[in-house]
Amino acid sequence: MRRLGQGATGSTQCEAVAARAVEAPSGTAGYGGAVRKLPILAILLLPMACATPPPTAVAPERLIPEIRDPGRAPLVHAAVREWEAWGRLVLTGWAPALDGNVVPSPANFPRVLAYWEAVPGNRGVARQHQRLHDALMLAMAQDGQPPVEPSISLWAYPFWSAAFISYVMEQAGVGEADFTPSARHAAYIDGLLSRAAWDPQGAAFLPREPGEYAPQPGDLLCADRSTGNQLLSWTDRMAETGAFRPMHCDVVVSDQPGLVQAIGGNVRDAVVLRRLPADEKGRVKPAPYGEAGFFVVFENRLGQRARPVPTPSSAGTVPEGMPAESGAEPPPRS
């Protein structure tokens, strides 16, 4: 299949068939009335979906070293596999566009659906996207036009970055006792913080301060996307557990002095490797003013934690700043 908007002719064709799809009646043949009304957001995004993409660039080789730690490798490998499937896209720092001004391929639409399928309670998003996609394809067929895939940006909302993290956790074999999948970063972050407070020895991930701890492959690097009053530390989040707050996390895949590399989803509408500046000790540097600020690194302890549930006398060392809750009930699963 060609991509939407290949040249001026393709762009005009895209807009025409998209308009037909929007006007498609509920009784469209072959759909059994399933397609009733396309989301208003899809209509607003159609001009972007018909934009002409620049040529695809290839990321340089050997960006990510081989990871052999049995506790960290599965998560790193799961994230890297997705990154490679998307075309090894790279974003340096907080640039407004991907390196090389690359536009993600619309062929990755099925992968976005797979991410949503990894989030119980939000699988309906995948079905909604599929219905819209099918309606567009049907409108083109009825118009006698060859099929062209919509731009991947058409599926950017609802935001799927947390669904991506949930998916790679699932692919890495991390169970719900250690990570509760969610469509919201804040929800699973609260779960990780709660588990670390209740059971620091057995927790799969422990919170660390970005200014003190150098992230390693397999860790989660998380930022607060709020436009004001951003969190400065994970301890601030514990004081507002459950409150709405837009966030974003990436899987760290490479660490070295001066550079941290992490893979995340729905970054410029794609799965992208971000190259973030770090200090000489490998600690990620603060984000520029106006960007999402890092407030926690979740240290991956899947390969070194104590498996038995600790008793109050063996609860271990609680990360600095975290209240000791060795006698508390375990966090409920959601």
C-alpha atoms as a PDB file:
ATOM      1  CA  MET A   1       0.000   0.000   0.000  1.00  0.00           C
ATOM      2  CA  ARG A   2       1.054   3.536  -0.658  1.00  0.00           C
ATOM      3  CA  ARG A   3       1.160   6.143   2.049  1.00  0.00           C
ATOM      4  CA  LEU A   4      -1.403   8.894   2.194  1.00  0.00           C
ATOM      5  CA  GLY A   5      -0.464  11.985   0.309  1.00  0.00           C
ATOM      6  CA  GLN A   6       2.283  10.841  -2.072  1.00  0.00           C
ATOM      7  CA  GLY A   7       2.750  14.050  -3.978  1.00  0.00           C
ATOM      8  CA  ALA A   8       0.095  16.596  -4.853  1.00  0.00           C
ATOM      9  CA  THR A   9      -2.160  14.084  -6.602  1.00  0.00           C
ATOM     10  CA  GLY A  10      -2.059  11.700  -3.656  1.00  0.00           C
ATOM     11  CA  SER A  11      -2.836  14.508  -1.236  1.00  0.00           C
ATOM     12  CA  THR A  12      -5.871  15.630  -3.224  1.00  0.00           C
ATOM     13  CA  GLN A  13      -7.051  12.035  -3.527  1.00  0.00           C
ATOM     14  CA  CYS A  14      -6.618  11.521   0.208  1.00  0.00           C
ATOM     15  CA  GLU A  15      -8.711  14.554   1.108  1.00  0.00           C
ATOM     16  CA  ALA A  16     -11.439  13.564  -1.335  1.00  0.00           C
ATOM     17  CA  VAL A  17     -11.851  10.003  -0.123  1.00  0.00           C
ATOM     18  CA  ALA A  18     -11.543  11.085   3.486  1.00  0.00           C
ATOM     19  CA  ALA A  19     -14.441  13.457   2.953  1.00  0.00           C
ATOM     20  CA  ARG A  20     -16.447  10.589   1.493  1.00  0.00           C
ATOM     21  CA  ALA A  21     -15.612   8.451   4.516  1.00  0.00           C
ATOM     22  CA  VAL A  22     -16.837  11.161   6.856  1.00  0.00           C
ATOM     23  CA  GLU A  23     -20.116  11.306   4.940  1.00  0.00           C
ATOM     24  CA  ALA A  24     -20.501   7.488   4.833  1.00  0.00           C
ATOM     25  CA  PRO A  25     -24.020   6.501   6.001  1.00  0.00           C
ATOM     26  CA  SER A  26     -24.590   4.152   8.888  1.00  0.00           C
ATOM     27  CA  GLY A  27     -25.937   1.438   6.623  1.00  0.00           C
ATOM     28  CA  THR A  28     -22.834   1.188   4.450  1.00  0.00           C
ATOM     29  CA  ALA A  29     -22.842  -2.182   2.704  1.00  0.00           C
ATOM     30  CA  GLY A  30     -20.574  -4.770   4.219  1.00  0.00           C
ATOM     31  CA  TYR A  31     -20.373  -3.041   7.584  1.00  0.00           C
ATOM     32  CA  GLY A  32     -23.661  -4.138   9.094  1.00  0.00           C
ATOM     33  CA  GLY A  33     -24.264  -0.607  10.378  1.00  0.00           C
ATOM     34  CA  ALA A  34     -21.085  -0.670  12.455  1.00  0.00           C
ATOM     35  CA  VAL A  35     -19.799   2.560  10.959  1.00  0.00           C
ATOM     36  CA  ARG A  36     -22.167   5.259  12.110  1.00  0.00           C
ATOM     37  CA  LYS A  37     -20.259   8.450  12.679  1.00  0.00           C
ATOM     38  CA  LEU A  38     -16.564   9.168  12.516  1.00  0.00           C
ATOM     39  CA  PRO A  39     -14.978  11.073  15.420  1.00  0.00           C
ATOM     40  CA  ILE A  40     -14.757  14.826  15.040  1.00  0.00           C
ATOM     41  CA  LEU A  41     -11.065  14.571  15.945  1.00  0.00           C
ATOM     42  CA  ALA A  42     -10.473  12.430  12.861  1.00  0.00           C
ATOM     43  CA  ILE A  43     -11.986  15.147  10.687  1.00  0.00           C
ATOM     44  CA  LEU A  44      -9.740  17.760  12.258  1.00  0.00           C
ATOM     45  CA  LEU A  45      -6.681  15.583  11.721  1.00  0.00           C
ATOM     46  CA  LEU A  46      -7.376  14.801   8.068  1.00  0.00           C
ATOM     47  CA  PRO A  47      -5.224  17.666   6.697  1.00  0.00           C
ATOM     48  CA  MET A  48      -2.253  16.311   8.669  1.00  0.00           C
ATOM     49  CA  ALA A  49      -3.045  12.793   7.555  1.00  0.00           C
ATOM     50  CA  CYS A  50      -2.839  13.932   3.938  1.00  0.00           C
ATOM     51  CA  ALA A  51       0.487  15.740   4.321  1.00  0.00           C
ATOM     52  CA  THR A  52       3.361  14.693   2.085  1.00  0.00           C
ATOM     53  CA  PRO A  53       6.066  12.977   4.174  1.00  0.00           C
ATOM     54  CA  PRO A  54       9.771  13.641   3.616  1.00  0.00           C
ATOM     55  CA  PRO A  55      12.064  10.724   2.746  1.00  0.00           C
ATOM     56  CA  THR A  56      12.677   8.080   5.383  1.00  0.00           C
ATOM     57  CA  ALA A  57      16.080   8.257   7.083  1.00  0.00           C
ATOM     58  CA  VAL A  58      17.967   5.347   8.576  1.00  0.00           C
ATOM     59  CA  ALA A  59      19.293   5.698  12.107  1.00  0.00           C
ATOM     60  CA  PRO A  60      22.996   5.031  12.611  1.00  0.00           C
ATOM     61  CA  GLU A  61      24.052   1.522  13.599  1.00  0.00           C
ATOM     62  CA  ARG A  62      25.170   0.429  17.062  1.00  0.00           C
ATOM     63  CA  LEU A  63      23.118   2.979  18.954  1.00  0.00           C
ATOM     64  CA  ILE A  64      22.316   0.451  21.676  1.00  0.00           C
ATOM     65  CA  PRO A  65      24.823  -1.925  23.270  1.00  0.00           C
ATOM     66  CA  GLU A  66      23.933  -5.534  24.040  1.00  0.00           C
ATOM     67  CA  ILE A  67      22.328  -5.971  27.476  1.00  0.00           C
ATOM     68  CA  ARG A  68      22.928  -9.293  29.233  1.00  0.00           C
ATOM     69  CA  ASP A  69      21.555  -8.663  32.737  1.00  0.00           C
ATOM     70  CA  PRO A  70      18.722 -11.245  33.037  1.00  0.00           C
ATOM     71  CA  GLY A  71      16.543  -8.849  35.000  1.00  0.00           C
ATOM     72  CA  ARG A  72      16.988  -5.909  32.646  1.00  0.00           C
ATOM     73  CA  ALA A  73      17.490  -7.473  29.234  1.00  0.00           C
ATOM     74  CA  PRO A  74      13.883  -8.618  28.544  1.00  0.00           C
ATOM     75  CA  LEU A  75      12.457  -5.108  28.967  1.00  0.00           C
ATOM     76  CA  VAL A  76      15.249  -3.502  26.951  1.00  0.00           C
ATOM     77  CA  HIS A  77      14.880  -6.073  24.185  1.00  0.00           C
ATOM     78  CA  ALA A  78      11.094  -5.625  24.072  1.00  0.00           C
ATOM     79  CA  ALA A  79      11.461  -1.852  23.696  1.00  0.00           C
ATOM     80  CA  VAL A  80      14.219  -2.171  21.094  1.00  0.00           C
ATOM     81  CA  ARG A  81      12.161  -4.621  19.016  1.00  0.00           C
ATOM     82  CA  GLU A  82       9.333  -2.106  18.816  1.00  0.00           C
ATOM     83  CA  TRP A  83      11.737   0.718  18.003  1.00  0.00           C
ATOM     84  CA  GLU A  84      13.243  -1.301  15.171  1.00  0.00           C
ATOM     85  CA  ALA A  85       9.778  -2.184  13.851  1.00  0.00           C
ATOM     86  CA  TRP A  86       8.988   1.526  13.629  1.00  0.00           C
ATOM     87  CA  GLY A  87      12.111   2.192  11.582  1.00  0.00           C
ATOM     88  CA  ARG A  88      14.701   3.091  14.255  1.00  0.00           C
ATOM     89  CA  LEU A  89      13.493   6.685  14.627  1.00  0.00           C
ATOM     90  CA  VAL A  90      15.610   9.046  16.740  1.00  0.00           C
ATOM     91  CA  LEU A  91      14.879  12.317  18.540  1.00  0.00           C
ATOM     92  CA  THR A  92      17.788  14.309  19.894  1.00  0.00           C
ATOM     93  CA  GLY A  93      16.919  16.115  23.099  1.00  0.00           C
ATOM     94  CA  TRP A  94      13.724  18.116  22.834  1.00  0.00           C
ATOM     95  CA  ALA A  95      13.866  18.910  19.122  1.00  0.00           C
ATOM     96  CA  PRO A  96      10.498  19.703  17.518  1.00  0.00           C
ATOM     97  CA  ALA A  97      11.007  17.044  14.827  1.00  0.00           C
ATOM     98  CA  LEU A  98      12.633  13.651  14.549  1.00  0.00           C
ATOM     99  CA  ASP A  99      16.223  13.483  13.385  1.00  0.00           C
ATOM    100  CA  GLY A 100      16.264  13.814   9.604  1.00  0.00           C
ATOM    101  CA  ASN A 101      12.716  15.231   9.658  1.00  0.00           C
ATOM    102  CA  VAL A 102      11.439  11.689   9.243  1.00  0.00           C
ATOM    103  CA  VAL A 103       7.699  11.048   9.255  1.00  0.00           C
ATOM    104  CA  PRO A 104       6.672   7.727  10.868  1.00  0.00           C
ATOM    105  CA  SER A 105       5.300   5.115   8.491  1.00  0.00           C
ATOM    106  CA  PRO A 106       1.524   4.578   8.486  1.00  0.00           C
ATOM    107  CA  ALA A 107       2.256   0.856   8.167  1.00  0.00           C
ATOM    108  CA  ASN A 108       2.678   0.794  11.957  1.00  0.00           C
ATOM    109  CA  PHE A 109      -1.048   1.242  12.558  1.00  0.00           C
ATOM    110  CA  PRO A 110      -1.463  -2.423  13.662  1.00  0.00           C
ATOM    111  CA  ARG A 111       1.223  -1.893  16.301  1.00  0.00           C
ATOM    112  CA  VAL A 112      -0.750   0.959  17.864  1.00  0.00           C
ATOM    113  CA  LEU A 113      -3.732  -1.387  18.065  1.00  0.00           C
ATOM    114  CA  ALA A 114      -1.549  -4.002  19.782  1.00  0.00           C
ATOM    115  CA  TYR A 115      -0.484  -1.484  22.424  1.00  0.00           C
ATOM    116  CA  TRP A 116      -4.108  -0.735  23.275  1.00  0.00           C
ATOM    117  CA  GLU A 117      -4.883  -4.449  23.462  1.00  0.00           C
ATOM    118  CA  ALA A 118      -2.335  -4.691  26.296  1.00  0.00           C
ATOM    119  CA  VAL A 119      -4.445  -2.403  28.500  1.00  0.00           C
ATOM    120  CA  PRO A 120      -7.495  -4.120  30.031  1.00  0.00           C
ATOM    121  CA  GLY A 121     -10.463  -1.793  30.013  1.00  0.00           C
ATOM    122  CA  ASN A 122      -9.138   0.243  27.077  1.00  0.00           C
ATOM    123  CA  ARG A 123      -9.259  -2.345  24.309  1.00  0.00           C
ATOM    124  CA  GLY A 124     -12.267  -0.537  22.911  1.00  0.00           C
ATOM    125  CA  VAL A 125      -9.875   2.145  21.666  1.00  0.00           C
ATOM    126  CA  ALA A 126      -8.317  -0.415  19.333  1.00  0.00           C
ATOM    127  CA  ARG A 127     -11.746  -1.360  18.002  1.00  0.00           C
ATOM    128  CA  GLN A 128     -12.684   2.287  17.488  1.00  0.00           C
ATOM    129  CA  HIS A 129      -9.469   2.946  15.573  1.00  0.00           C
ATOM    130  CA  GLN A 130     -10.043  -0.152  13.451  1.00  0.00           C
ATOM    131  CA  ARG A 131     -13.581   0.967  12.558  1.00  0.00           C
ATOM    132  CA  LEU A 132     -12.342   4.385  11.474  1.00  0.00           C
ATOM    133  CA  HIS A 133      -9.524   2.825   9.458  1.00  0.00           C
ATOM    134  CA  ASP A 134     -11.934   0.413   7.765  1.00  0.00           C
ATOM    135  CA  ALA A 135     -14.356   3.234   6.964  1.00  0.00           C
ATOM    136  CA  LEU A 136     -11.599   5.199   5.241  1.00  0.00           C
ATOM    137  CA  MET A 137     -10.496   2.140   3.273  1.00  0.00           C
ATOM    138  CA  LEU A 138     -14.101   1.390   2.271  1.00  0.00           C
ATOM    139  CA  ALA A 139     -14.695   4.963   1.125  1.00  0.00           C
ATOM    140  CA  MET A 140     -11.643   4.767  -1.119  1.00  0.00           C
ATOM    141  CA  ALA A 141     -12.785   1.463  -2.574  1.00  0.00           C
ATOM    142  CA  GLN A 142     -16.269   2.829  -3.275  1.00  0.00           C
ATOM    143  CA  ASP A 143     -14.658   5.815  -4.963  1.00  0.00           C
ATOM    144  CA  GLY A 144     -12.672   3.513  -7.227  1.00  0.00           C
ATOM    145  CA  GLN A 145      -9.379   4.699  -5.787  1.00  0.00           C
ATOM    146  CA  PRO A 146      -6.406   2.538  -4.822  1.00  0.00           C
ATOM    147  CA  PRO A 147      -6.052   2.168  -1.034  1.00  0.00           C
ATOM    148  CA  VAL A 148      -3.717   4.590   0.721  1.00  0.00           C
ATOM    149  CA  GLU A 149      -2.931   4.281   4.421  1.00  0.00           C
ATOM    150  CA  PRO A 150      -3.766   7.244   6.698  1.00  0.00           C
ATOM    151  CA  SER A 151      -0.903   9.044   8.395  1.00  0.00           C
ATOM    152  CA  ILE A 152       0.033   7.524  11.738  1.00  0.00           C
ATOM    153  CA  SER A 153      -0.753  10.898  13.342  1.00  0.00           C
ATOM    154  CA  LEU A 154      -4.453  10.135  12.881  1.00  0.00           C
ATOM    155  CA  TRP A 155      -4.161   7.626  15.750  1.00  0.00           C
ATOM    156  CA  ALA A 156      -2.203   9.834  18.166  1.00  0.00           C
ATOM    157  CA  TYR A 157      -5.260  10.407  20.354  1.00  0.00           C
ATOM    158  CA  PRO A 158      -6.120   8.990  22.813  1.00  0.00           C
ATOM    159  CA  PHE A 159      -2.484   9.245  23.823  1.00  0.00           C
ATOM    160  CA  TRP A 160      -0.939   5.785  23.663  1.00  0.00           C
ATOM    161  CA  SER A 161       2.440   6.283  25.366  1.00  0.00           C
ATOM    162  CA  ALA A 162       1.312   4.561  28.586  1.00  0.00           C
ATOM    163  CA  ALA A 163      -0.253   1.761  26.555  1.00  0.00           C
ATOM    164  CA  PHE A 164       3.141   1.305  24.894  1.00  0.00           C
ATOM    165  CA  ILE A 165       4.875   0.934  28.268  1.00  0.00           C
ATOM    166  CA  SER A 166       2.183  -1.550  29.312  1.00  0.00           C
ATOM    167  CA  TYR A 167       2.771  -3.514  26.105  1.00  0.00           C
ATOM    168  CA  VAL A 168       6.552  -3.785  26.439  1.00  0.00           C
ATOM    169  CA  MET A 169       6.161  -4.793  30.091  1.00  0.00           C
ATOM    170  CA  GLU A 170       3.826  -7.564  28.977  1.00  0.00           C
ATOM    171  CA  GLN A 171       6.221  -8.624  26.216  1.00  0.00           C
ATOM    172  CA  ALA A 172       9.075  -8.690  28.737  1.00  0.00           C
ATOM    173  CA  GLY A 173       7.112 -11.062  30.954  1.00  0.00           C
ATOM    174  CA  VAL A 174       6.545  -8.572  33.778  1.00  0.00           C
ATOM    175  CA  GLY A 175       3.382  -9.695  35.558  1.00  0.00           C
ATOM    176  CA  GLU A 176       0.594  -7.544  36.954  1.00  0.00           C
ATOM    177  CA  ALA A 177       1.827  -8.175  40.496  1.00  0.00           C
ATOM    178  CA  ASP A 178       4.875  -6.089  39.570  1.00  0.00           C
ATOM    179  CA  PHE A 179       3.375  -3.675  37.038  1.00  0.00           C
ATOM    180  CA  THR A 180      -0.311  -2.897  36.563  1.00  0.00           C
ATOM    181  CA  PRO A 181      -0.972  -1.992  32.910  1.00  0.00           C
ATOM    182  CA  SER A 182      -2.762   1.295  32.400  1.00  0.00           C
ATOM    183  CA  ALA A 183      -3.589   3.878  29.768  1.00  0.00           C
ATOM    184  CA  ARG A 184      -2.347   6.529  32.214  1.00  0.00           C
ATOM    185  CA  HIS A 185       1.261   6.864  33.303  1.00  0.00           C
ATOM    186  CA  ALA A 186       0.132   8.359  36.615  1.00  0.00           C
ATOM    187  CA  ALA A 187      -1.844   5.215  37.471  1.00  0.00           C
ATOM    188  CA  TYR A 188       0.984   2.730  37.057  1.00  0.00           C
ATOM    189  CA  ILE A 189       3.480   5.158  38.624  1.00  0.00           C
ATOM    190  CA  ASP A 190       1.264   5.317  41.712  1.00  0.00           C
ATOM    191  CA  GLY A 191       1.207   1.531  41.738  1.00  0.00           C
ATOM    192  CA  LEU A 192       4.998   1.282  41.525  1.00  0.00           C
ATOM    193  CA  LEU A 193       5.442   3.823  44.319  1.00  0.00           C
ATOM    194  CA  SER A 194       2.912   2.043  46.514  1.00  0.00           C
ATOM    195  CA  ARG A 195       4.544  -1.351  46.011  1.00  0.00           C
ATOM    196  CA  ALA A 196       8.000   0.093  46.736  1.00  0.00           C
ATOM    197  CA  ALA A 197       6.745   1.650  49.976  1.00  0.00           C
ATOM    198  CA  TRP A 198       4.982  -1.506  51.111  1.00  0.00           C
ATOM    199  CA  ASP A 199       7.608  -4.042  50.022  1.00  0.00           C
ATOM    200  CA  PRO A 200      10.976  -2.429  49.178  1.00  0.00           C
ATOM    201  CA  GLN A 201      12.839  -5.746  49.083  1.00  0.00           C
ATOM    202  CA  GLY A 202      10.348  -7.448  46.800  1.00  0.00           C
ATOM    203  CA  ALA A 203       9.407  -4.499  44.578  1.00  0.00           C
ATOM    204  CA  ALA A 204      10.320  -4.884  40.919  1.00  0.00           C
ATOM    205  CA  PHE A 205      11.066  -1.160  40.605  1.00  0.00           C
ATOM    206  CA  LEU A 206      12.349   1.304  43.195  1.00  0.00           C
ATOM    207  CA  PRO A 207      12.061   5.103  42.819  1.00  0.00           C
ATOM    208  CA  ARG A 208      15.262   7.130  42.586  1.00  0.00           C
ATOM    209  CA  GLU A 209      15.956  10.842  42.277  1.00  0.00           C
ATOM    210  CA  PRO A 210      17.088  11.770  38.736  1.00  0.00           C
ATOM    211  CA  GLY A 211      19.625  14.220  40.150  1.00  0.00           C
ATOM    212  CA  GLU A 212      21.263  11.543  42.291  1.00  0.00           C
ATOM    213  CA  TYR A 213      20.905   8.264  40.399  1.00  0.00           C
ATOM    214  CA  ALA A 214      22.272   7.472  36.930  1.00  0.00           C
ATOM    215  CA  PRO A 215      19.625   5.505  35.011  1.00  0.00           C
ATOM    216  CA  GLN A 216      20.636   2.127  33.617  1.00  0.00           C
ATOM    217  CA  PRO A 217      19.209  -0.016  30.811  1.00  0.00           C
ATOM    218  CA  GLY A 218      15.876  -1.476  31.868  1.00  0.00           C
ATOM    219  CA  ASP A 219      14.996   1.425  34.169  1.00  0.00           C
ATOM    220  CA  LEU A 220      12.014   3.726  33.603  1.00  0.00           C
ATOM    221  CA  LEU A 221      12.703   7.445  33.208  1.00  0.00           C
ATOM    222  CA  CYS A 222       9.582   9.489  33.941  1.00  0.00           C
ATOM    223  CA  ALA A 223       8.668  13.135  33.474  1.00  0.00           C
ATOM    224  CA  ASP A 224       5.826  15.436  34.495  1.00  0.00           C
ATOM    225  CA  ARG A 225       4.108  16.986  31.469  1.00  0.00           C
ATOM    226  CA  SER A 226       2.107  19.524  33.471  1.00  0.00           C
ATOM    227  CA  THR A 227       2.326  23.070  32.156  1.00  0.00           C
ATOM    228  CA  GLY A 228       2.747  24.489  35.642  1.00  0.00           C
ATOM    229  CA  ASN A 229       3.640  23.403  39.153  1.00  0.00           C
ATOM    230  CA  GLN A 230       5.604  20.390  37.961  1.00  0.00           C
ATOM    231  CA  LEU A 231       6.689  17.667  40.353  1.00  0.00           C
ATOM    232  CA  LEU A 232      10.290  18.049  41.466  1.00  0.00           C
ATOM    233  CA  SER A 233      10.539  14.622  43.082  1.00  0.00           C
ATOM    234  CA  TRP A 234       8.687  11.328  43.255  1.00  0.00           C
ATOM    235  CA  THR A 235       8.037  12.072  46.929  1.00  0.00           C
ATOM    236  CA  ASP A 236       5.823  14.958  45.789  1.00  0.00           C
ATOM    237  CA  ARG A 237       3.725  12.500  43.821  1.00  0.00           C
ATOM    238  CA  MET A 238       3.185  10.340  46.889  1.00  0.00           C
ATOM    239  CA  ALA A 239       1.506  13.318  48.545  1.00  0.00           C
ATOM    240  CA  GLU A 240      -1.080  13.478  45.735  1.00  0.00           C
ATOM    241  CA  THR A 241      -1.546   9.786  44.884  1.00  0.00           C
ATOM    242  CA  GLY A 242      -4.480   9.242  42.564  1.00  0.00           C
ATOM    243  CA  ALA A 243      -4.701  12.841  41.369  1.00  0.00           C
ATOM    244  CA  PHE A 244      -4.788  13.567  37.661  1.00  0.00           C
ATOM    245  CA  ARG A 245      -1.435  14.619  36.237  1.00  0.00           C
ATOM    246  CA  PRO A 246      -0.131  14.210  32.678  1.00  0.00           C
ATOM    247  CA  MET A 247       3.119  12.254  32.648  1.00  0.00           C
ATOM    248  CA  HIS A 248       5.389  10.310  30.330  1.00  0.00           C
ATOM    249  CA  CYS A 249       7.851   7.446  30.850  1.00  0.00           C
ATOM    250  CA  ASP A 250      10.493   5.924  28.593  1.00  0.00           C
ATOM    251  CA  VAL A 251      12.462   2.681  28.884  1.00  0.00           C
ATOM    252  CA  VAL A 252      16.173   3.382  29.312  1.00  0.00           C
ATOM    253  CA  VAL A 253      18.146   1.281  26.826  1.00  0.00           C
ATOM    254  CA  SER A 254      21.644   2.744  27.002  1.00  0.00           C
ATOM    255  CA  ASP A 255      23.689   4.673  29.551  1.00  0.00           C
ATOM    256  CA  GLN A 256      27.087   6.316  29.411  1.00  0.00           C
ATOM    257  CA  PRO A 257      28.749   9.505  30.614  1.00  0.00           C
ATOM    258  CA  GLY A 258      27.141  12.423  28.834  1.00  0.00           C
ATOM    259  CA  LEU A 259      24.261  10.503  27.245  1.00  0.00           C
ATOM    260  CA  VAL A 260      21.143   8.585  28.245  1.00  0.00           C
ATOM    261  CA  GLN A 261      19.118   6.863  25.532  1.00  0.00           C
ATOM    262  CA  ALA A 262      15.528   5.838  26.162  1.00  0.00           C
ATOM    263  CA  ILE A 263      12.681   4.481  24.046  1.00  0.00           C
ATOM    264  CA  GLY A 264       9.123   5.704  24.420  1.00  0.00           C
ATOM    265  CA  GLY A 265       5.811   5.583  22.601  1.00  0.00           C
ATOM    266  CA  ASN A 266       3.717   8.329  21.012  1.00  0.00           C
ATOM    267  CA  VAL A 267       6.787  10.558  20.863  1.00  0.00           C
ATOM    268  CA  ARG A 268       6.180  12.636  17.741  1.00  0.00           C
ATOM    269  CA  ASP A 269       3.438  10.089  16.964  1.00  0.00           C
ATOM    270  CA  ALA A 270       5.843   7.131  16.957  1.00  0.00           C
ATOM    271  CA  VAL A 271       8.029   4.776  18.973  1.00  0.00           C
ATOM    272  CA  VAL A 272      11.228   6.761  19.216  1.00  0.00           C
ATOM    273  CA  LEU A 273      14.667   6.525  20.767  1.00  0.00           C
ATOM    274  CA  ARG A 274      15.431   9.755  22.613  1.00  0.00           C
ATOM    275  CA  ARG A 275      19.015  10.870  23.084  1.00  0.00           C
ATOM    276  CA  LEU A 276      19.106  12.878  26.318  1.00  0.00           C
ATOM    277  CA  PRO A 277      22.057  14.844  27.690  1.00  0.00           C
ATOM    278  CA  ALA A 278      23.619  13.509  30.896  1.00  0.00           C
ATOM    279  CA  ASP A 279      26.450  14.604  33.168  1.00  0.00           C
ATOM    280  CA  GLU A 280      29.821  12.904  33.516  1.00  0.00           C
ATOM    281  CA  LYS A 281      28.319  10.384  35.954  1.00  0.00           C
ATOM    282  CA  GLY A 282      25.506   9.425  33.599  1.00  0.00           C
ATOM    283  CA  ARG A 283      22.747  11.296  35.442  1.00  0.00           C
ATOM    284  CA  VAL A 284      20.213  12.782  33.064  1.00  0.00           C
ATOM    285  CA  LYS A 285      20.325  16.570  32.967  1.00  0.00           C
ATOM    286  CA  PRO A 286      17.223  18.618  33.815  1.00  0.00           C
ATOM    287  CA  ALA A 287      14.863  19.350  30.950  1.00  0.00           C
ATOM    288  CA  PRO A 288      14.868  22.853  29.468  1.00  0.00           C
ATOM    289  CA  TYR A 289      12.349  25.337  30.789  1.00  0.00           C
ATOM    290  CA  GLY A 290       8.892  24.632  29.396  1.00  0.00           C
ATOM    291  CA  GLU A 291       9.558  20.942  28.719  1.00  0.00           C
ATOM    292  CA  ALA A 292       8.400  17.922  30.713  1.00  0.00           C
ATOM    293  CA  GLY A 293      10.610  17.719  33.802  1.00  0.00           C
ATOM    294  CA  PHE A 294      12.104  14.451  35.039  1.00  0.00           C
ATOM    295  CA  PHE A 295      11.007  13.630  38.573  1.00  0.00           C
ATOM    296  CA  VAL A 296      11.744   9.917  39.027  1.00  0.00           C
ATOM    297  CA  VAL A 297      13.842   7.064  37.714  1.00  0.00           C
ATOM    298  CA  PHE A 298      12.457   3.640  38.546  1.00  0.00           C
ATOM    299  CA  GLU A 299      15.394   1.343  39.154  1.00  0.00           C
ATOM    300  CA  ASN A 300      14.790  -2.079  37.637  1.00  0.00           C
ATOM    301  CA  ARG A 301      15.303  -4.737  40.314  1.00  0.00           C
ATOM    302  CA  LEU A 302      13.666  -7.658  38.530  1.00  0.00           C
ATOM    303  CA  GLY A 303      16.889  -9.630  38.628  1.00  0.00           C
ATOM    304  CA  GLN A 304      18.011  -8.897  42.179  1.00  0.00           C
ATOM    305  CA  ARG A 305      14.995  -8.384  44.439  1.00  0.00           C
ATOM    306  CA  ALA A 306      14.075 -10.676  47.286  1.00  0.00           C
ATOM    307  CA  ARG A 307      11.190 -12.869  46.192  1.00  0.00           C
ATOM    308  CA  PRO A 308       9.475 -13.647  49.541  1.00  0.00           C
ATOM    309  CA  VAL A 309       7.067 -11.064  50.901  1.00  0.00           C
ATOM    310  CA  PRO A 310       9.002  -9.403  53.751  1.00  0.00           C
ATOM    311  CA  THR A 311       7.944  -9.422  57.376  1.00  0.00           C
ATOM    312  CA  PRO A 312       8.155  -6.180  59.379  1.00  0.00           C
ATOM    313  CA  SER A 313      11.537  -7.270  60.733  1.00  0.00           C
ATOM    314  CA  SER A 314      12.968  -7.998  57.280  1.00  0.00           C
ATOM    315  CA  ALA A 315      11.463  -5.200  55.231  1.00  0.00           C
ATOM    316  CA  GLY A 316      14.874  -3.926  54.214  1.00  0.00           C
ATOM    317  CA  THR A 317      15.998  -0.436  53.446  1.00  0.00           C
ATOM    318  CA  VAL A 318      13.354   1.965  52.256  1.00  0.00           C
ATOM    319  CA  PRO A 319      14.545   4.449  49.601  1.00  0.00           C
ATOM    320  CA  GLU A 320      15.356   7.809  51.141  1.00  0.00           C
ATOM    321  CA  GLY A 321      12.264   9.995  51.308  1.00  0.00           C
ATOM    322  CA  MET A 322       9.818   7.088  51.213  1.00  0.00           C
ATOM    323  CA  PRO A 323       7.730   6.445  54.331  1.00  0.00           C
ATOM    324  CA  ALA A 324       8.240   3.047  55.945  1.00  0.00           C
ATOM    325  CA  GLU A 325       5.031   1.027  55.598  1.00  0.00           C
ATOM    326  CA  SER A 326       6.189  -2.484  56.373  1.00  0.00           C
ATOM    327  CA  GLY A 327       3.057  -3.147  58.398  1.00  0.00           C
ATOM    328  CA  ALA A 328       0.674  -1.747  55.796  1.00  0.00           C
ATOM    329  CA  GLU A 329      -1.652  -3.788  53.641  1.00  0.00           C
ATOM    330  CA  PRO A 330      -0.387  -4.513  50.119  1.00  0.00           C
ATOM    331  CA  PRO A 331      -1.632  -2.109  47.441  1.00  0.00           C
ATOM    332  CA  PRO A 332      -4.851  -3.214  45.765  1.00  0.00           C
ATOM    333  CA  ARG A 333      -4.712  -4.312  42.150  1.00  0.00           C
ATOM    334  CA  SER A 334      -6.643  -2.263  39.685  1.00  0.00           C
END
